[in-house]
C-alpha atoms as a PDB file:
ATOM      1  CA  MET A   1     110.535 124.590 118.835  1.00  0.00           C
ATOM      2  CA  GLN A   2     106.807 124.233 119.500  1.00  0.00           C
ATOM      3  CA  SER A   3     107.255 122.226 122.742  1.00  0.00           C
ATOM      4  CA  GLN A   4     104.361 123.745 124.698  1.00  0.00           C
ATOM      5  CA  SER A   5     101.867 124.688 121.985  1.00  0.00           C
ATOM      6  CA  PRO A   6      98.920 122.441 121.078  1.00  0.00           C
ATOM      7  CA  VAL A   7      99.455 120.286 118.020  1.00  0.00           C
ATOM      8  CA  ARG A   8      97.190 121.678 115.300  1.00  0.00           C
ATOM      9  CA  VAL A   9      96.060 118.966 112.885  1.00  0.00           C
ATOM     10  CA  PHE A  10      93.722 119.512 109.942  1.00  0.00           C
ATOM     11  CA  ILE A  11      92.093 116.480 108.320  1.00  0.00           C
ATOM     12  CA  GLY A  12      90.763 116.499 104.770  1.00  0.00           C
ATOM     13  CA  SER A  13      87.500 114.612 104.576  1.00  0.00           C
ATOM     14  CA  GLY A  14      83.911 114.440 103.347  1.00  0.00           C
ATOM     15  CA  GLU A  15      80.596 112.967 104.424  1.00  0.00           C
ATOM     16  CA  ALA A  16      81.557 109.564 102.986  1.00  0.00           C
ATOM     17  CA  SER A  17      84.791 109.476 105.003  1.00  0.00           C
ATOM     18  CA  VAL A  18      83.474 109.512 108.567  1.00  0.00           C
ATOM     19  CA  LEU A  19      84.736 106.033 109.521  1.00  0.00           C
ATOM     20  CA  GLU A  20      88.269 106.468 108.215  1.00  0.00           C
ATOM     21  CA  ARG A  21      88.653 110.005 109.563  1.00  0.00           C
ATOM     22  CA  LYS A  22      87.459 108.965 113.043  1.00  0.00           C
ATOM     23  CA  THR A  23      89.826 105.996 112.912  1.00  0.00           C
ATOM     24  CA  LEU A  24      92.642 108.443 112.108  1.00  0.00           C
ATOM     25  CA  ILE A  25      91.575 110.771 114.937  1.00  0.00           C
ATOM     26  CA  HIS A  26      91.604 107.851 117.372  1.00  0.00           C
ATOM     27  CA  SER A  27      95.109 106.870 116.257  1.00  0.00           C
ATOM     28  CA  LEU A  28      96.339 110.454 116.743  1.00  0.00           C
ATOM     29  CA  ARG A  29      94.872 110.640 120.244  1.00  0.00           C
ATOM     30  CA  LYS A  30      96.195 107.211 121.168  1.00  0.00           C
ATOM     31  CA  HIS A  31      99.824 108.058 120.458  1.00  0.00           C
ATOM     32  CA  THR A  32     100.045 111.811 121.081  1.00  0.00           C
ATOM     33  CA  LYS A  33     101.059 112.999 124.543  1.00  0.00           C
ATOM     34  CA  ARG A  34     100.427 116.701 124.006  1.00  0.00           C
ATOM     35  CA  GLU A  35      97.147 118.548 123.563  1.00  0.00           C
ATOM     36  CA  LEU A  36      95.656 118.118 120.109  1.00  0.00           C
ATOM     37  CA  ASP A  37      93.703 120.821 118.302  1.00  0.00           C
ATOM     38  CA  ILE A  38      91.899 118.921 115.523  1.00  0.00           C
ATOM     39  CA  TYR A  39      90.074 120.525 112.614  1.00  0.00           C
ATOM     40  CA  VAL A  40      88.077 118.481 110.086  1.00  0.00           C
ATOM     41  CA  PHE A  41      87.425 119.828 106.610  1.00  0.00           C
ATOM     42  CA  ASN A  42      84.097 118.376 105.481  1.00  0.00           C
ATOM     43  CA  GLY A  43      84.213 119.077 101.778  1.00  0.00           C
ATOM     44  CA  THR A  44      80.693 117.742 101.246  1.00  0.00           C
ATOM     45  CA  HIS A  45      79.216 120.591 103.266  1.00  0.00           C
ATOM     46  CA  ASN A  46      81.977 123.186 102.729  1.00  0.00           C
ATOM     47  CA  SER A  47      82.430 123.243 106.500  1.00  0.00           C
ATOM     48  CA  ILE A  48      85.105 123.091 109.177  1.00  0.00           C
ATOM     49  CA  GLU A  49      84.578 121.129 112.394  1.00  0.00           C
ATOM     50  CA  ARG A  50      86.976 121.983 115.232  1.00  0.00           C
ATOM     51  CA  ASN A  51      87.194 119.474 118.087  1.00  0.00           C
ATOM     52  CA  ASP A  52      83.675 119.229 119.590  1.00  0.00           C
ATOM     53  CA  GLU A  53      82.474 122.636 118.412  1.00  0.00           C
ATOM     54  CA  PRO A  54      79.592 123.077 115.906  1.00  0.00           C
ATOM     55  CA  PRO A  55      80.704 123.223 112.249  1.00  0.00           C
ATOM     56  CA  VAL A  56      81.247 126.568 110.551  1.00  0.00           C
ATOM     57  CA  LEU A  57      81.308 127.416 106.861  1.00  0.00           C
ATOM     58  CA  ALA A  58      84.693 127.404 105.189  1.00  0.00           C
ATOM     59  CA  GLU A  59      85.734 130.581 103.417  1.00  0.00           C
ATOM     60  CA  MET A  60      85.948 129.073  99.963  1.00  0.00           C
ATOM     61  CA  SER A  61      84.213 130.306  96.836  1.00  0.00           C
ATOM     62  CA  MET A  62      82.242 127.901  94.677  1.00  0.00           C
ATOM     63  CA  ASN A  63      84.717 128.638  91.883  1.00  0.00           C
ATOM     64  CA  VAL A  64      87.503 127.129  93.975  1.00  0.00           C
ATOM     65  CA  LYS A  65      85.408 124.399  95.588  1.00  0.00           C
ATOM     66  CA  TYR A  66      84.430 122.984  92.204  1.00  0.00           C
ATOM     67  CA  ARG A  67      88.117 122.756  91.231  1.00  0.00           C
ATOM     68  CA  ASN A  68      88.619 120.046  93.863  1.00  0.00           C
ATOM     69  CA  TYR A  69      89.943 116.674  92.680  1.00  0.00           C
ATOM     70  CA  THR A  70      88.608 115.072  95.845  1.00  0.00           C
ATOM     71  CA  GLU A  71      85.965 116.618  98.081  1.00  0.00           C
ATOM     72  CA  PHE A  72      88.681 118.310 100.104  1.00  0.00           C
ATOM     73  CA  SER A  73      91.676 118.854  97.781  1.00  0.00           C
ATOM     74  CA  ASN A  74      91.737 122.653  97.977  1.00  0.00           C
ATOM     75  CA  TYR A  75      90.808 123.000 101.627  1.00  0.00           C
ATOM     76  CA  ARG A  76      94.363 122.286 102.784  1.00  0.00           C
ATOM     77  CA  TRP A  77      95.448 125.590 101.261  1.00  0.00           C
ATOM     78  CA  LEU A  78      93.149 127.478 103.663  1.00  0.00           C
ATOM     79  CA  ILE A  79      95.143 126.315 106.684  1.00  0.00           C
ATOM     80  CA  PRO A  80      97.649 129.199 106.983  1.00  0.00           C
ATOM     81  CA  SER A  81      94.819 131.742 106.784  1.00  0.00           C
ATOM     82  CA  ILE A  82      92.715 129.868 109.375  1.00  0.00           C
ATOM     83  CA  CYS A  83      95.754 129.970 111.664  1.00  0.00           C
ATOM     84  CA  ASN A  84      96.142 133.739 111.084  1.00  0.00           C
ATOM     85  CA  HIS A  85      99.509 133.010 109.467  1.00  0.00           C
ATOM     86  CA  GLN A  86     100.986 132.155 112.865  1.00  0.00           C
ATOM     87  CA  GLY A  87     102.689 129.029 114.140  1.00  0.00           C
ATOM     88  CA  ARG A  88     102.637 125.572 112.670  1.00  0.00           C
ATOM     89  CA  ALA A  89      99.925 123.200 111.465  1.00  0.00           C
ATOM     90  CA  ILE A  90      99.760 119.716 109.988  1.00  0.00           C
ATOM     91  CA  PHE A  91      97.470 118.598 107.186  1.00  0.00           C
ATOM     92  CA  LEU A  92      96.527 114.913 106.792  1.00  0.00           C
ATOM     93  CA  ASP A  93      94.306 113.040 104.365  1.00  0.00           C
ATOM     94  CA  SER A  94      91.628 111.018 106.143  1.00  0.00           C
ATOM     95  CA  ASP A  95      92.742 107.641 104.738  1.00  0.00           C
ATOM     96  CA  MET A  96      95.645 107.293 107.163  1.00  0.00           C
ATOM     97  CA  VAL A  97      96.501 105.737 110.516  1.00  0.00           C
ATOM     98  CA  CYS A  98      99.056 107.396 112.791  1.00  0.00           C
ATOM     99  CA  LEU A  99     101.331 104.938 114.604  1.00  0.00           C
ATOM    100  CA  LYS A 100     103.645 107.298 116.520  1.00  0.00           C
ATOM    101  CA  ASP A 101     103.426 110.582 118.428  1.00  0.00           C
ATOM    102  CA  ILE A 102     102.567 113.277 115.870  1.00  0.00           C
ATOM    103  CA  CYS A 103     104.433 115.775 118.073  1.00  0.00           C
ATOM    104  CA  GLU A 104     107.642 114.469 116.534  1.00  0.00           C
ATOM    105  CA  LEU A 105     106.519 115.725 113.132  1.00  0.00           C
ATOM    106  CA  PHE A 106     105.007 118.939 114.499  1.00  0.00           C
ATOM    107  CA  ASP A 107     108.324 119.863 116.176  1.00  0.00           C
ATOM    108  CA  ALA A 108     110.542 118.849 113.235  1.00  0.00           C
ATOM    109  CA  ASP A 109     113.349 121.173 112.144  1.00  0.00           C
ATOM    110  CA  MET A 110     111.993 123.150 109.193  1.00  0.00           C
ATOM    111  CA  SER A 111     115.239 125.091 108.615  1.00  0.00           C
ATOM    112  CA  GLY A 112     113.331 128.128 107.406  1.00  0.00           C
ATOM    113  CA  HIS A 113     111.257 126.284 104.793  1.00  0.00           C
ATOM    114  CA  SER A 114     107.586 127.043 104.153  1.00  0.00           C
ATOM    115  CA  MET A 115     106.466 123.414 104.181  1.00  0.00           C
ATOM    116  CA  LEU A 116     107.676 119.880 104.774  1.00  0.00           C
ATOM    117  CA  ALA A 117     106.131 117.180 102.579  1.00  0.00           C
ATOM    118  CA  LYS A 118     106.918 113.810 100.997  1.00  0.00           C
ATOM    119  CA  ALA A 119     109.718 114.295  98.471  1.00  0.00           C
ATOM    120  CA  GLU A 120     109.671 112.595  95.066  1.00  0.00           C
ATOM    121  CA  ALA A 121     106.354 110.983  95.942  1.00  0.00           C
ATOM    122  CA  TYR A 122     105.706 109.913  92.354  1.00  0.00           C
ATOM    123  CA  LYS A 123     108.180 107.975  90.209  1.00  0.00           C
ATOM    124  CA  GLY A 124     110.098 110.029  87.676  1.00  0.00           C
ATOM    125  CA  ASP A 125     108.401 113.232  88.823  1.00  0.00           C
ATOM    126  CA  MET A 126     109.838 116.254  90.654  1.00  0.00           C
ATOM    127  CA  SER A 127     106.589 116.628  92.578  1.00  0.00           C
ATOM    128  CA  TRP A 128     105.715 116.545  96.235  1.00  0.00           C
ATOM    129  CA  GLY A 129     103.275 114.289  98.075  1.00  0.00           C
ATOM    130  CA  MET A 130     101.022 116.848  99.761  1.00  0.00           C
ATOM    131  CA  SER A 131      98.781 114.409 101.647  1.00  0.00           C
ATOM    132  CA  ASN A 132     100.831 115.068 104.796  1.00  0.00           C
ATOM    133  CA  ILE A 133     102.132 118.631 105.119  1.00  0.00           C
ATOM    134  CA  LEU A 134     103.799 120.504 107.942  1.00  0.00           C
ATOM    135  CA  PHE A 135     103.123 124.212 107.374  1.00  0.00           C
ATOM    136  CA  ASP A 136     104.984 127.187 108.742  1.00  0.00           C
ATOM    137  CA  CYS A 137     101.848 129.310 108.514  1.00  0.00           C
ATOM    138  CA  SER A 138     103.831 132.553 108.684  1.00  0.00           C
ATOM    139  CA  LYS A 139     105.509 131.695 105.362  1.00  0.00           C
ATOM    140  CA  CYS A 140     102.425 130.591 103.388  1.00  0.00           C
ATOM    141  CA  ASN A 141      99.621 132.618 101.851  1.00  0.00           C
ATOM    142  CA  PHE A 142      97.678 130.868  99.105  1.00  0.00           C
ATOM    143  CA  ASP A 143      95.493 133.179  97.029  1.00  0.00           C
ATOM    144  CA  LEU A 144      93.320 130.458  95.527  1.00  0.00           C
ATOM    145  CA  GLU A 145      91.398 132.774  93.223  1.00  0.00           C
ATOM    146  CA  GLN A 146      94.657 134.022  91.701  1.00  0.00           C
ATOM    147  CA  ILE A 147      96.120 130.536  91.540  1.00  0.00           C
ATOM    148  CA  PHE A 148      93.170 129.245  89.520  1.00  0.00           C
ATOM    149  CA  ARG A 149      93.303 132.286  87.260  1.00  0.00           C
ATOM    150  CA  ASN A 150      96.899 131.217  86.593  1.00  0.00           C
ATOM    151  CA  VAL A 151      95.675 127.681  85.863  1.00  0.00           C
ATOM    152  CA  ASP A 152      93.161 129.059  83.367  1.00  0.00           C
ATOM    153  CA  GLN A 153      95.945 131.146  81.793  1.00  0.00           C
ATOM    154  CA  GLY A 154      97.962 127.969  81.224  1.00  0.00           C
ATOM    155  CA  LEU A 155     100.869 128.928  83.489  1.00  0.00           C
ATOM    156  CA  PHE A 156     100.608 125.570  85.271  1.00  0.00           C
ATOM    157  CA  THR A 157      98.027 122.828  85.715  1.00  0.00           C
ATOM    158  CA  ASN A 158      95.844 122.066  88.695  1.00  0.00           C
ATOM    159  CA  THR A 159      97.876 118.883  89.258  1.00  0.00           C
ATOM    160  CA  GLU A 160     101.122 120.889  89.235  1.00  0.00           C
ATOM    161  CA  PHE A 161      99.626 123.165  91.875  1.00  0.00           C
ATOM    162  CA  GLN A 162      98.366 120.297  94.051  1.00  0.00           C
ATOM    163  CA  GLN A 163     101.790 118.614  93.903  1.00  0.00           C
ATOM    164  CA  MET A 164     103.917 121.777  94.198  1.00  0.00           C
ATOM    165  CA  ALA A 165     105.585 120.877  90.900  1.00  0.00           C
ATOM    166  CA  PRO A 166     108.331 123.048  89.353  1.00  0.00           C
ATOM    167  CA  ASN A 167     105.955 124.885  86.981  1.00  0.00           C
ATOM    168  CA  PHE A 168     103.842 126.040  89.915  1.00  0.00           C
ATOM    169  CA  LEU A 169     106.829 126.948  92.106  1.00  0.00           C
ATOM    170  CA  ALA A 170     108.288 129.020  89.258  1.00  0.00           C
ATOM    171  CA  GLN A 171     105.258 131.310  89.608  1.00  0.00           C
ATOM    172  CA  HIS A 172     104.736 130.965  93.381  1.00  0.00           C
ATOM    173  CA  PRO A 173     108.172 130.345  94.938  1.00  0.00           C
ATOM    174  CA  TYR A 174     107.421 128.511  98.168  1.00  0.00           C
ATOM    175  CA  SER A 175     110.283 126.659  99.798  1.00  0.00           C
ATOM    176  CA  LEU A 176     109.735 122.958 100.515  1.00  0.00           C
ATOM    177  CA  ALA A 177     111.867 120.342 102.212  1.00  0.00           C
ATOM    178  CA  ALA A 178     111.424 116.619 102.765  1.00  0.00           C
ATOM    179  CA  LEU A 179     109.761 115.218 105.834  1.00  0.00           C
ATOM    180  CA  ASP A 180     110.774 111.790 107.096  1.00  0.00           C
ATOM    181  CA  SER A 181     109.092 109.501 104.543  1.00  0.00           C
ATOM    182  CA  ASN A 182     108.012 107.185 107.367  1.00  0.00           C
ATOM    183  CA  TRP A 183     105.452 109.888 108.214  1.00  0.00           C
ATOM    184  CA  ASN A 184     103.689 109.209 104.897  1.00  0.00           C
ATOM    185  CA  SER A 185     104.204 105.576 104.021  1.00  0.00           C
ATOM    186  CA  PHE A 186     102.201 104.697 100.908  1.00  0.00           C
ATOM    187  CA  ASP A 187     100.464 101.340 101.523  1.00  0.00           C
ATOM    188  CA  HIS A 188     103.541 100.019 103.355  1.00  0.00           C
ATOM    189  CA  TYR A 189     104.058  99.058 106.974  1.00  0.00           C
ATOM    190  CA  ASP A 190     107.125  97.867 108.869  1.00  0.00           C
ATOM    191  CA  GLU A 191     108.791  98.586 112.218  1.00  0.00           C
ATOM    192  CA  ASN A 192     109.868 102.046 111.018  1.00  0.00           C
ATOM    193  CA  THR A 193     106.448 103.224 109.794  1.00  0.00           C
ATOM    194  CA  LYS A 194     105.100 106.219 111.703  1.00  0.00           C
ATOM    195  CA  LEU A 195     102.005 106.845 109.605  1.00  0.00           C
ATOM    196  CA  ILE A 196     100.522 104.519 107.014  1.00  0.00           C
ATOM    197  CA  HIS A 197      98.597 106.004 104.096  1.00  0.00           C
ATOM    198  CA  TYR A 198      96.125 103.731 102.303  1.00  0.00           C
ATOM    199  CA  THR A 199      96.470 105.354  98.890  1.00  0.00           C
ATOM    200  CA  ASN A 200      95.148 102.694  96.508  1.00  0.00           C
ATOM    201  CA  LEU A 201      91.444 103.479  96.120  1.00  0.00           C
ATOM    202  CA  ARG A 202      90.727  99.906  94.973  1.00  0.00           C
ATOM    203  CA  THR A 203      92.182  98.240  98.077  1.00  0.00           C
ATOM    204  CA  GLN A 204      91.320 100.603 100.949  1.00  0.00           C
ATOM    205  CA  PRO A 205      90.338  98.159 103.727  1.00  0.00           C
ATOM    206  CA  TRP A 206      87.119  99.934 104.743  1.00  0.00           C
ATOM    207  CA  LYS A 207      85.910  99.497 101.147  1.00  0.00           C
ATOM    208  CA  PHE A 208      87.451  96.289  99.845  1.00  0.00           C
ATOM    209  CA  ALA A 209      88.955  93.087 101.182  1.00  0.00           C
ATOM    210  CA  GLY A 210      92.526  92.091 100.479  1.00  0.00           C
ATOM    211  CA  HIS A 211      94.861  94.953 101.445  1.00  0.00           C
ATOM    212  CA  LYS A 212      98.005  93.413 102.908  1.00  0.00           C
ATOM    213  CA  HIS A 213      97.762  95.722 105.941  1.00  0.00           C
ATOM    214  CA  GLU A 214      93.992  95.697 106.382  1.00  0.00           C
ATOM    215  CA  SER A 215      94.264  94.072 109.841  1.00  0.00           C
ATOM    216  CA  LEU A 216      96.212  97.121 111.051  1.00  0.00           C
ATOM    217  CA  TRP A 217      93.422  99.474 109.965  1.00  0.00           C
ATOM    218  CA  PHE A 218      90.726  97.267 111.516  1.00  0.00           C
ATOM    219  CA  LYS A 219      92.650  97.207 114.798  1.00  0.00           C
ATOM    220  CA  TYR A 220      92.373 100.986 115.102  1.00  0.00           C
ATOM    221  CA  PHE A 221      88.823 101.034 113.708  1.00  0.00           C
ATOM    222  CA  ASN A 222      87.649  98.608 116.384  1.00  0.00           C
ATOM    223  CA  GLU A 223      89.452 100.568 119.101  1.00  0.00           C
ATOM    224  CA  ALA A 224      87.688 103.728 117.906  1.00  0.00           C
ATOM    225  CA  ARG A 225      84.339 101.904 118.084  1.00  0.00           C
ATOM    226  CA  LYS A 226      84.982 100.631 121.588  1.00  0.00           C
ATOM    227  CA  SER A 227      86.015 104.106 122.742  1.00  0.00           C
ATOM    228  CA  GLY A 228      82.714 105.521 121.501  1.00  0.00           C
ATOM    229  CA  LEU A 229      84.341 107.839 118.980  1.00  0.00           C
ATOM    230  CA  ILE A 230      82.775 105.835 116.136  1.00  0.00           C
ATOM    231  CA  THR A 231      79.082 105.469 116.931  1.00  0.00           C
ATOM    232  CA  ILE A 232      76.393 103.024 115.804  1.00  0.00           C
ATOM    233  CA  SER A 233      74.818 105.944 113.954  1.00  0.00           C
ATOM    234  CA  ASP A 234      78.081 106.528 112.055  1.00  0.00           C
ATOM    235  CA  ILE A 235      78.161 102.883 110.990  1.00  0.00           C
ATOM    236  CA  ASP A 236      74.451 102.656 110.102  1.00  0.00           C
ATOM    237  CA  LYS A 237      74.641 105.783 107.952  1.00  0.00           C
ATOM    238  CA  THR A 238      77.829 104.600 106.245  1.00  0.00           C
ATOM    239  CA  LEU A 239      76.332 101.203 105.404  1.00  0.00           C
ATOM    240  CA  ALA A 240      72.980 102.638 104.306  1.00  0.00           C
ATOM    241  CA  ARG A 241      74.733 105.000 101.901  1.00  0.00           C
ATOM    242  CA  ALA A 242      77.154 102.295 100.689  1.00  0.00           C
ATOM    243  CA  TYR A 243      80.190 104.334 101.715  1.00  0.00           C
ATOM    244  CA  SER A 244      81.988 101.214 102.970  1.00  0.00           C
ATOM    245  CA  ARG A 245      82.050  97.457 102.489  1.00  0.00           C
ATOM    246  CA  GLN A 246      78.908  95.851 103.903  1.00  0.00           C
ATOM    247  CA  ASP A 247      80.862  93.342 106.010  1.00  0.00           C
ATOM    248  CA  ILE A 248      82.837  96.056 107.825  1.00  0.00           C
ATOM    249  CA  MET A 249      81.570  94.912 111.234  1.00  0.00           C
ATOM    250  CA  ASP A 250      82.611  91.316 110.562  1.00  0.00           C
ATOM    251  CA  PRO A 251      85.018  91.394 107.618  1.00  0.00           C
ATOM    252  CA  VAL A 252      85.663  88.305 105.553  1.00  0.00           C
ATOM    253  CA  SER A 253      89.293  87.361 106.021  1.00  0.00           C
ATOM    254  CA  PRO A 254      91.708  87.501 103.077  1.00  0.00           C
ATOM    255  CA  THR A 255      92.448  83.796 103.663  1.00  0.00           C
ATOM    256  CA  THR A 256      88.776  82.906 103.218  1.00  0.00           C
ATOM    257  CA  LEU A 257      88.603  84.951 100.026  1.00  0.00           C
ATOM    258  CA  LYS A 258      91.730  83.303  98.665  1.00  0.00           C
ATOM    259  CA  ILE A 259      90.260  79.851  99.278  1.00  0.00           C
ATOM    260  CA  ALA A 260      86.979  80.870  97.644  1.00  0.00           C
ATOM    261  CA  ALA A 261      88.780  82.394  94.668  1.00  0.00           C
ATOM    262  CA  SER A 262      90.897  79.281  94.278  1.00  0.00           C
ATOM    263  CA  THR A 263      87.834  77.020  94.466  1.00  0.00           C
ATOM    264  CA  LEU A 264      85.559  79.059  92.197  1.00  0.00           C
ATOM    265  CA  GLY A 265      88.190  80.630  89.970  1.00  0.00           C
ATOM    266  CA  GLY A 266      88.697  84.331  89.416  1.00  0.00           C
ATOM    267  CA  SER A 267      90.288  87.265  91.181  1.00  0.00           C
ATOM    268  CA  TRP A 268      89.151  88.995  94.372  1.00  0.00           C
ATOM    269  CA  THR A 269      91.810  91.728  94.537  1.00  0.00           C
ATOM    270  CA  SER A 270      89.860  94.366  92.597  1.00  0.00           C
ATOM    271  CA  GLN A 271      86.325  95.704  92.814  1.00  0.00           C
ATOM    272  CA  SER A 272      85.236  94.040  89.563  1.00  0.00           C
ATOM    273  CA  GLY A 273      86.903  90.770  90.521  1.00  0.00           C
ATOM    274  CA  PHE A 274      85.286  90.786  93.945  1.00  0.00           C
ATOM    275  CA  LYS A 275      81.844  91.344  92.365  1.00  0.00           C
ATOM    276  CA  THR A 276      82.426  88.431  89.978  1.00  0.00           C
ATOM    277  CA  LEU A 277      83.410  86.207  92.889  1.00  0.00           C
ATOM    278  CA  LYS A 278      80.283  87.204  94.853  1.00  0.00           C
ATOM    279  CA  ASN A 279      78.062  86.451  91.857  1.00  0.00           C
ATOM    280  CA  ARG A 280      79.619  83.003  91.504  1.00  0.00           C
ATOM    281  CA  LEU A 281      79.037  82.329  95.189  1.00  0.00           C
ATOM    282  CA  ARG A 282      75.385  83.431  94.836  1.00  0.00           C
ATOM    283  CA  LYS A 283      74.896  81.092  91.878  1.00  0.00           C
ATOM    284  CA  LEU A 284      76.551  78.226  93.730  1.00  0.00           C
ATOM    285  CA  LEU A 285      74.324  78.768  96.774  1.00  0.00           C
ATOM    286  CA  GLY A 286      71.166  79.414  94.749  1.00  0.00           C
ATOM    287  CA  ILE A 287      70.761  82.987  96.039  1.00  0.00           C
ATOM    288  CA  LYS A 288      68.852  85.276  93.721  1.00  0.00           C
ATOM    289  CA  LYS A 289      69.964  88.866  93.389  1.00  0.00           C
ATOM    290  CA  LYS A 290      67.487  91.366  94.840  1.00  0.00           C
ATOM    291  CA  HIS A 291      66.183  94.122  92.609  1.00  0.00           C
ATOM    292  CA  ALA A 292      64.742  97.448  93.657  1.00  0.00           C
ATOM    293  CA  ALA A 293      60.973  97.743  93.467  1.00  0.00           C
END
């Protein structure tokens, strides 16, 4: 077991994700008793930020970088190489909150497998949820240039690679096993949840109102602000660039939105519905929409 080694955690992120990734980092630090060694992949700048050290360029070609689905999709596959193919490491998407000690996952029994991930993450699909991965770095070596040559040859798709689907594993036989699904709970929270993953891009609480567990995210967000991890500069930049909802410092409650939706008619549970509701409120209050000069 890894009882004395620091817990290496890599977070996939981008410039637009600073608030959610710092909220995740706060949640990891809050619950983890052992030393954390945290790396942030900033896909916007093709960089890696380790703890409080200056960022360094990631060793990723533009050919691979531009195959990303998100800003950071392919960066997770650099982890074993960054770790010199030694020891263990965890990868997490930035849109998560950790609710238990991540050491439990880091020290999990891997039984000789290359990776632990979320099994049968997608209905009717023999694919893996790779948004939370425990790597045995000694058993993984991803040649991304070769992998994307294989994609171009039609041996498997990019999606099949990203999800470790059977077509990919037939060509690159890594061994995967299931992690406890409570370590990657898709938009669900109960007393057993160890890590909640806000997967629905239209209801992520830092962007839109109405997620049923938005209060949980805001709890950790506000703790991260009070600790100083999230700075005023982080918030000002995020709001100026429209990376988050504009009421993030004083969010409108779901109850208020429900009452408004009921009174004015319409839906507030999607981006388009929320915009319609705001426009109706503006009209009701006689507020004219501002236009750029």
